[in-house]
Amino acid sequence: MGKLNKITSALLSVIMVIGIFSAIPFVASAATSGSYEYSVNSDNTAKITKYIDNGSKTVTIPSTIGGYVATEIGSQAFENCSSFNSVTIPSSITNIGEFAFRGCTGLTSVTIPSTVTQIGNYAFGYIYSNNYSVKIDGFTVYGTKGTAAEKYAYSNGFNFVEGVAAVDPTEVKLNQSSL
């Protein structure tokens, strides 16, 4: 009987260890694709965790990255990236973390798709100065009425305009065949 008890105890110990490790959430390390670092969430979607500022004036956040649908922009992912003055957020994004675009002094407005349901504190329209988040004067949020975009704008005292920001006419490009 003694040997059977030892085997049973050992087997139960192994089962408990496996159970403990299966309860620990999987956290993937950061991967890089182009100008973005990202992590893979447990539901096989991606969170953009960092933008590698390359001096571009316009930024288009990808809807897929590394073969995963990008659903989140992480906290501080674009913080203090001051080179760009335009950002395009795809409709795959549902969550924008706090401070995500704080310190992006080139941004004076943002269009937030209606698919975004959560926007963290100080995500847009703020700079960090003397240990405080300070509003960017005249910052405007474009979006759909009744969505997180409108709520964020009004909660932070920003202008809210229903619709999409107008395209800067200096960005219009003509090709040879249209002339």
Foldseek 3Di string as FASTA:
>chain_A
DVVVVVVVVVVVVVVVVVVVVVPDADWADWDDDDQFIWTAHPVRAIETEAGNQPLDQEEEDDCHDPNHGYAEHEACRQAQNQRYAYYHDDLSHAEYEANSHENNLSHQEYEDEQNHAYYYHNRDQWYADPNDTDGDPQREYEYAPPGPRVVVCVVVVHHYDYDHDDDDVVPDDDDPVVD
